[in-house]
């Protein structure tokens, strides 16, 4: 009988998933090439911001972009996104994707050159409406 359990230990699951996905993709003539990334902004050895995400197939996905409140408005977020672009540009990737909520920074990403693809409204809490952005290389 099939049993499905909730799991929180991603290390083991990620290892198995990477092996299975790589095998399946290879069978279909595609390179899985999944990699996580992080860029960290520091001011005198103090972490003041970071951007994390992952790349696979032909896309880059920004997962988190965070700048300490007292450092916002100083170009750190812009610099972190530019670092992602510079790092992946010319390496076979087509675009950068990201998702943000209404209460976060949709206008910021538009100012950084990301194009809004679509909006998924949250009917119960407008602040949690999601904005899906893309930027092509």
Protein backbone atom coordinates (compact mmCIF):
# COMPACT_ATOMS: atom_id res chain seq x y z
CA UNK A 1 0.00 0.00 0.00
CA UNK A 2 1.27 3.46 -0.91
CA UNK A 3 2.07 5.75 2.01
CA UNK A 4 2.93 9.44 1.68
CA UNK A 5 4.68 11.22 4.55
CA UNK A 6 5.39 14.88 5.16
CA UNK A 7 9.15 15.51 5.13
CA UNK A 8 11.28 18.39 6.35
CA UNK A 9 14.78 16.98 5.70
CA UNK A 10 15.50 18.33 2.26
CA UNK A 11 19.16 17.30 2.06
CA UNK A 12 18.39 13.64 1.42
CA UNK A 13 15.39 14.39 -0.78
CA UNK A 14 17.32 16.96 -2.84
CA UNK A 15 20.13 14.48 -3.45
CA UNK A 16 17.71 11.81 -4.70
CA UNK A 17 15.71 14.35 -6.72
CA UNK A 18 18.86 15.69 -8.41
CA UNK A 19 19.88 12.18 -9.43
CA UNK A 20 16.42 11.30 -10.77
CA UNK A 21 15.97 14.61 -12.60
CA UNK A 22 19.44 14.41 -14.13
CA UNK A 23 18.74 10.89 -15.35
CA UNK A 24 15.33 11.83 -16.80
CA UNK A 25 16.63 15.00 -18.44
CA UNK A 26 19.60 13.18 -19.97
CA UNK A 27 17.20 10.63 -21.46
CA UNK A 28 15.42 13.58 -23.10
CA UNK A 29 18.55 15.33 -24.33
CA UNK A 30 18.42 18.13 -21.75
CA UNK A 31 21.04 19.17 -19.22
CA UNK A 32 19.55 19.63 -15.73
CA UNK A 33 22.48 21.77 -14.44
CA UNK A 34 20.69 22.82 -11.20
CA UNK A 35 22.79 25.08 -8.95
CA UNK A 36 21.96 27.33 -6.03
CA UNK A 37 23.59 30.73 -5.75
CA UNK A 38 24.00 33.53 -3.23
CA UNK A 39 25.60 36.97 -3.40
CA UNK A 40 26.21 38.82 -0.15
CA UNK A 41 26.64 42.59 0.31
CA UNK A 42 28.86 43.59 3.23
CA UNK A 43 29.72 46.89 4.83
CA UNK A 44 32.90 46.56 6.93
CA UNK A 45 32.34 42.78 7.33
CA UNK A 46 28.69 43.33 8.34
CA UNK A 47 26.18 41.56 6.10
CA UNK A 48 23.77 44.25 4.93
CA UNK A 49 22.01 42.42 2.12
CA UNK A 50 21.88 39.29 0.05
CA UNK A 51 20.30 37.71 -2.97
CA UNK A 52 19.75 33.96 -3.29
CA UNK A 53 18.29 31.74 -5.95
CA UNK A 54 19.00 28.94 -8.33
CA UNK A 55 19.72 28.28 -11.97
CA UNK A 56 18.69 25.33 -14.06
CA UNK A 57 17.95 24.50 -17.65
CA UNK A 58 18.13 27.91 -19.33
CA UNK A 59 16.71 30.06 -16.54
CA UNK A 60 17.84 31.85 -13.40
CA UNK A 61 15.40 32.33 -10.53
CA UNK A 62 15.86 34.91 -7.78
CA UNK A 63 14.41 33.42 -4.62
CA UNK A 64 15.17 36.09 -2.00
CA UNK A 65 16.50 39.64 -2.10
CA UNK A 66 16.90 41.25 1.31
CA UNK A 67 18.58 44.48 2.39
CA UNK A 68 18.71 45.62 6.01
CA UNK A 69 16.22 48.41 6.65
CA UNK A 70 18.89 50.96 7.58
CA UNK A 71 20.71 50.27 4.27
CA UNK A 72 17.71 50.50 1.93
CA UNK A 73 17.61 53.25 -0.67
CA UNK A 74 21.40 53.17 -1.11
CA UNK A 75 21.52 51.05 -4.27
CA UNK A 76 22.43 47.77 -2.58
CA UNK A 77 19.44 45.85 -3.95
CA UNK A 78 20.14 47.18 -7.43
CA UNK A 79 23.81 46.19 -7.12
CA UNK A 80 22.90 42.68 -5.97
CA UNK A 81 20.56 42.16 -8.93
CA UNK A 82 23.21 43.49 -11.31
CA UNK A 83 25.66 41.00 -9.85
CA UNK A 84 23.24 38.17 -10.64
CA UNK A 85 22.86 39.46 -14.21
CA UNK A 86 26.62 39.82 -14.72
CA UNK A 87 27.34 36.41 -13.27
CA UNK A 88 24.89 34.54 -15.52
CA UNK A 89 24.98 36.67 -18.68
CA UNK A 90 26.67 34.93 -21.60
CA UNK A 91 26.55 31.51 -19.95
CA UNK A 92 23.65 30.03 -21.88
CA UNK A 93 20.81 31.36 -19.76
CA UNK A 94 17.77 32.97 -21.36
CA UNK A 95 16.20 34.95 -18.54
CA UNK A 96 15.93 35.79 -14.84
CA UNK A 97 12.62 35.13 -13.06
CA UNK A 98 11.35 36.37 -9.72
CA UNK A 99 8.14 36.65 -7.74
CA UNK A 100 7.30 39.34 -5.20
CA UNK A 101 4.26 40.21 -3.12
CA UNK A 102 2.22 43.42 -3.19
CA UNK A 103 3.64 44.50 0.19
CA UNK A 104 7.22 43.91 -0.93
CA UNK A 105 8.73 45.57 -3.98
CA UNK A 106 6.95 45.25 -7.34
CA UNK A 107 7.83 48.83 -8.35
CA UNK A 108 11.48 48.28 -7.41
CA UNK A 109 11.81 45.35 -9.82
CA UNK A 110 10.19 47.34 -12.63
CA UNK A 111 12.77 50.10 -12.03
CA UNK A 112 15.48 47.42 -12.32
CA UNK A 113 14.27 46.51 -15.81
CA UNK A 114 12.13 43.47 -14.99
CA UNK A 115 8.90 43.11 -16.97
CA UNK A 116 5.67 42.10 -15.28
CA UNK A 117 4.37 38.87 -16.82
CA UNK A 118 1.27 38.40 -14.71
CA UNK A 119 -0.38 39.04 -11.35
CA UNK A 120 -2.03 36.42 -9.17
CA UNK A 121 -4.56 38.18 -6.94
CA UNK A 122 -4.99 37.09 -3.35
CA UNK A 123 -8.69 37.46 -2.65
CA UNK A 124 -8.32 37.35 1.13
CA UNK A 125 -5.28 39.58 1.64
CA UNK A 126 -4.34 42.06 -1.11
CA UNK A 127 -0.85 42.47 0.41
CA UNK A 128 -0.16 38.84 -0.57
CA UNK A 129 -1.02 39.34 -4.23
CA UNK A 130 1.90 37.94 -6.23
CA UNK A 131 3.70 39.70 -9.08
CA UNK A 132 5.65 37.50 -11.51
CA UNK A 133 8.55 39.22 -13.27
CA UNK A 134 11.05 38.30 -15.97
CA UNK A 135 14.15 39.92 -17.41
CA UNK A 136 15.72 38.57 -20.60
CA UNK A 137 19.43 38.63 -21.29
